Amino acid sequence: MIKFWIKQSLISLDQTINAFVFVGWSDETLSSRSWRLRDKPHFFIVHKVIDTIFFFDDNHCEESFESERLRLQSPPEER
Protein backbone atom coordinates (compact mmCIF):
# COMPACT_ATOMS: atom_id res chain seq x y z
CA MET A 1 0.00 0.00 0.00
CA ILE A 2 2.87 2.39 0.76
CA LYS A 3 4.35 1.71 -2.69
CA PHE A 4 1.01 2.64 -4.31
CA TRP A 5 0.84 5.86 -2.24
CA ILE A 6 4.41 6.85 -3.17
CA LYS A 7 3.78 6.25 -6.88
CA GLN A 8 0.51 8.23 -6.83
CA SER A 9 2.20 11.07 -4.93
CA LEU A 10 5.03 11.25 -7.48
CA ILE A 11 2.53 11.28 -10.37
CA SER A 12 0.69 14.12 -8.64
CA LEU A 13 3.94 16.06 -8.25
CA ASP A 14 4.78 15.44 -11.90
CA GLN A 15 1.35 16.77 -12.97
CA THR A 16 1.74 19.80 -10.72
CA ILE A 17 5.12 20.67 -12.22
CA ASN A 18 3.64 20.33 -15.70
CA ALA A 19 0.72 22.64 -14.83
CA PHE A 20 2.55 25.31 -12.81
CA VAL A 21 6.01 25.46 -14.35
CA PHE A 22 5.26 24.52 -17.95
CA VAL A 23 1.65 25.83 -18.08
CA GLY A 24 0.30 22.48 -19.26
CA TRP A 25 -2.82 20.41 -18.71
CA SER A 26 -3.36 19.67 -15.02
CA ASP A 27 -4.02 15.97 -15.61
CA GLU A 28 -0.98 15.30 -17.81
CA THR A 29 2.44 14.46 -16.46
CA LEU A 30 5.47 16.37 -17.65
CA SER A 31 6.97 13.06 -18.70
CA SER A 32 4.02 12.31 -20.97
CA ARG A 33 3.89 15.83 -22.35
CA SER A 34 7.59 15.90 -23.12
CA TRP A 35 7.21 12.69 -25.15
CA ARG A 36 4.10 13.98 -26.93
CA LEU A 37 5.88 17.23 -27.87
CA ARG A 38 9.36 15.73 -28.38
CA ASP A 39 9.56 17.17 -31.92
CA LYS A 40 9.75 20.67 -30.41
CA PRO A 41 13.29 21.63 -29.35
CA HIS A 42 12.39 22.66 -25.79
CA PHE A 43 10.51 19.45 -25.03
CA PHE A 44 13.09 17.30 -26.80
CA ILE A 45 15.59 18.51 -24.19
CA VAL A 46 13.11 18.02 -21.31
CA HIS A 47 12.35 14.50 -22.54
CA LYS A 48 16.07 13.64 -22.66
CA VAL A 49 16.68 15.07 -19.17
CA ILE A 50 13.74 13.16 -17.67
CA ASP A 51 14.78 9.89 -19.33
CA THR A 52 18.32 10.44 -18.03
CA ILE A 53 17.06 11.02 -14.47
CA PHE A 54 14.94 7.86 -14.72
CA PHE A 55 17.78 5.82 -16.27
CA PHE A 56 16.54 2.73 -14.40
CA ASP A 57 13.13 2.98 -16.14
CA ASP A 58 13.73 2.35 -19.86
CA ASN A 59 11.78 4.73 -22.10
CA HIS A 60 10.19 6.49 -19.12
CA CYS A 61 8.63 9.34 -21.10
CA GLU A 62 7.28 7.14 -23.87
CA GLU A 63 5.77 4.72 -21.35
CA SER A 64 4.26 7.65 -19.43
CA PHE A 65 2.64 8.87 -22.63
CA GLU A 66 1.19 5.42 -23.34
CA SER A 67 -0.06 5.17 -19.77
CA GLU A 68 -1.83 8.54 -20.12
CA ARG A 69 -3.23 7.61 -23.53
CA LEU A 70 -4.63 4.33 -22.19
CA ARG A 71 -5.75 6.03 -18.94
CA LEU A 72 -3.83 3.48 -16.86
CA GLN A 73 -3.34 6.05 -14.08
CA SER A 74 -7.13 6.30 -13.65
CA PRO A 75 -9.17 4.03 -11.38
CA PRO A 76 -10.18 0.80 -13.16
CA GLU A 77 -13.83 1.83 -13.48
CA GLU A 78 -12.81 4.97 -15.42
CA ARG A 79 -10.61 3.26 -18.01
C-alpha atoms as a PDB file:
ATOM      1  CA  MET A   1       0.000   0.000   0.000  1.00  0.00           C
ATOM      2  CA  ILE A   2       2.873   2.389   0.757  1.00  0.00           C
ATOM      3  CA  LYS A   3       4.348   1.705  -2.690  1.00  0.00           C
ATOM      4  CA  PHE A   4       1.012   2.645  -4.311  1.00  0.00           C
ATOM      5  CA  TRP A   5       0.843   5.861  -2.242  1.00  0.00           C
ATOM      6  CA  ILE A   6       4.409   6.846  -3.174  1.00  0.00           C
ATOM      7  CA  LYS A   7       3.777   6.248  -6.883  1.00  0.00           C
ATOM      8  CA  GLN A   8       0.510   8.233  -6.827  1.00  0.00           C
ATOM      9  CA  SER A   9       2.203  11.074  -4.929  1.00  0.00           C
ATOM     10  CA  LEU A  10       5.026  11.248  -7.480  1.00  0.00           C
ATOM     11  CA  ILE A  11       2.533  11.281 -10.367  1.00  0.00           C
ATOM     12  CA  SER A  12       0.692  14.121  -8.642  1.00  0.00           C
ATOM     13  CA  LEU A  13       3.945  16.060  -8.246  1.00  0.00           C
ATOM     14  CA  ASP A  14       4.782  15.441 -11.902  1.00  0.00           C
ATOM     15  CA  GLN A  15       1.350  16.770 -12.969  1.00  0.00           C
ATOM     16  CA  THR A  16       1.740  19.802 -10.718  1.00  0.00           C
ATOM     17  CA  ILE A  17       5.119  20.668 -12.215  1.00  0.00           C
ATOM     18  CA  ASN A  18       3.640  20.329 -15.704  1.00  0.00           C
ATOM     19  CA  ALA A  19       0.723  22.637 -14.833  1.00  0.00           C
ATOM     20  CA  PHE A  20       2.553  25.312 -12.809  1.00  0.00           C
ATOM     21  CA  VAL A  21       6.009  25.461 -14.353  1.00  0.00           C
ATOM     22  CA  PHE A  22       5.262  24.522 -17.950  1.00  0.00           C
ATOM     23  CA  VAL A  23       1.652  25.829 -18.084  1.00  0.00           C
ATOM     24  CA  GLY A  24       0.302  22.479 -19.264  1.00  0.00           C
ATOM     25  CA  TRP A  25      -2.817  20.414 -18.705  1.00  0.00           C
ATOM     26  CA  SER A  26      -3.360  19.673 -15.023  1.00  0.00           C
ATOM     27  CA  ASP A  27      -4.021  15.969 -15.613  1.00  0.00           C
ATOM     28  CA  GLU A  28      -0.980  15.302 -17.813  1.00  0.00           C
ATOM     29  CA  THR A  29       2.436  14.458 -16.462  1.00  0.00           C
ATOM     30  CA  LEU A  30       5.466  16.371 -17.647  1.00  0.00           C
ATOM     31  CA  SER A  31       6.967  13.055 -18.701  1.00  0.00           C
ATOM     32  CA  SER A  32       4.016  12.307 -20.970  1.00  0.00           C
ATOM     33  CA  ARG A  33       3.887  15.834 -22.351  1.00  0.00           C
ATOM     34  CA  SER A  34       7.593  15.896 -23.122  1.00  0.00           C
ATOM     35  CA  TRP A  35       7.215  12.688 -25.146  1.00  0.00           C
ATOM     36  CA  ARG A  36       4.099  13.985 -26.925  1.00  0.00           C
ATOM     37  CA  LEU A  37       5.882  17.226 -27.873  1.00  0.00           C
ATOM     38  CA  ARG A  38       9.355  15.729 -28.381  1.00  0.00           C
ATOM     39  CA  ASP A  39       9.557  17.170 -31.921  1.00  0.00           C
ATOM     40  CA  LYS A  40       9.745  20.674 -30.410  1.00  0.00           C
ATOM     41  CA  PRO A  41      13.290  21.633 -29.349  1.00  0.00           C
ATOM     42  CA  HIS A  42      12.388  22.664 -25.789  1.00  0.00           C
ATOM     43  CA  PHE A  43      10.511  19.446 -25.032  1.00  0.00           C
ATOM     44  CA  PHE A  44      13.088  17.304 -26.798  1.00  0.00           C
ATOM     45  CA  ILE A  45      15.585  18.512 -24.191  1.00  0.00           C
ATOM     46  CA  VAL A  46      13.107  18.022 -21.310  1.00  0.00           C
ATOM     47  CA  HIS A  47      12.354  14.502 -22.541  1.00  0.00           C
ATOM     48  CA  LYS A  48      16.072  13.642 -22.665  1.00  0.00           C
ATOM     49  CA  VAL A  49      16.680  15.073 -19.174  1.00  0.00           C
ATOM     50  CA  ILE A  50      13.745  13.155 -17.667  1.00  0.00           C
ATOM     51  CA  ASP A  51      14.780   9.892 -19.333  1.00  0.00           C
ATOM     52  CA  THR A  52      18.319  10.439 -18.026  1.00  0.00           C
ATOM     53  CA  ILE A  53      17.058  11.016 -14.467  1.00  0.00           C
ATOM     54  CA  PHE A  54      14.939   7.861 -14.721  1.00  0.00           C
ATOM     55  CA  PHE A  55      17.781   5.816 -16.274  1.00  0.00           C
ATOM     56  CA  PHE A  56      16.540   2.734 -14.402  1.00  0.00           C
ATOM     57  CA  ASP A  57      13.128   2.976 -16.139  1.00  0.00           C
ATOM     58  CA  ASP A  58      13.733   2.351 -19.857  1.00  0.00           C
ATOM     59  CA  ASN A  59      11.777   4.727 -22.105  1.00  0.00           C
ATOM     60  CA  HIS A  60      10.192   6.489 -19.117  1.00  0.00           C
ATOM     61  CA  CYS A  61       8.627   9.344 -21.102  1.00  0.00           C
ATOM     62  CA  GLU A  62       7.283   7.137 -23.875  1.00  0.00           C
ATOM     63  CA  GLU A  63       5.774   4.723 -21.352  1.00  0.00           C
ATOM     64  CA  SER A  64       4.260   7.651 -19.434  1.00  0.00           C
ATOM     65  CA  PHE A  65       2.644   8.871 -22.633  1.00  0.00           C
ATOM     66  CA  GLU A  66       1.189   5.421 -23.341  1.00  0.00           C
ATOM     67  CA  SER A  67      -0.059   5.172 -19.768  1.00  0.00           C
ATOM     68  CA  GLU A  68      -1.828   8.539 -20.120  1.00  0.00           C
ATOM     69  CA  ARG A  69      -3.229   7.605 -23.527  1.00  0.00           C
ATOM     70  CA  LEU A  70      -4.626   4.328 -22.191  1.00  0.00           C
ATOM     71  CA  ARG A  71      -5.748   6.028 -18.943  1.00  0.00           C
ATOM     72  CA  LEU A  72      -3.826   3.483 -16.856  1.00  0.00           C
ATOM     73  CA  GLN A  73      -3.339   6.054 -14.076  1.00  0.00           C
ATOM     74  CA  SER A  74      -7.134   6.295 -13.646  1.00  0.00           C
ATOM     75  CA  PRO A  75      -9.174   4.029 -11.376  1.00  0.00           C
ATOM     76  CA  PRO A  76     -10.176   0.798 -13.164  1.00  0.00           C
ATOM     77  CA  GLU A  77     -13.835   1.832 -13.477  1.00  0.00           C
ATOM     78  CA  GLU A  78     -12.806   4.970 -15.420  1.00  0.00           C
ATOM     79  CA  ARG A  79     -10.613   3.264 -18.015  1.00  0.00           C
END
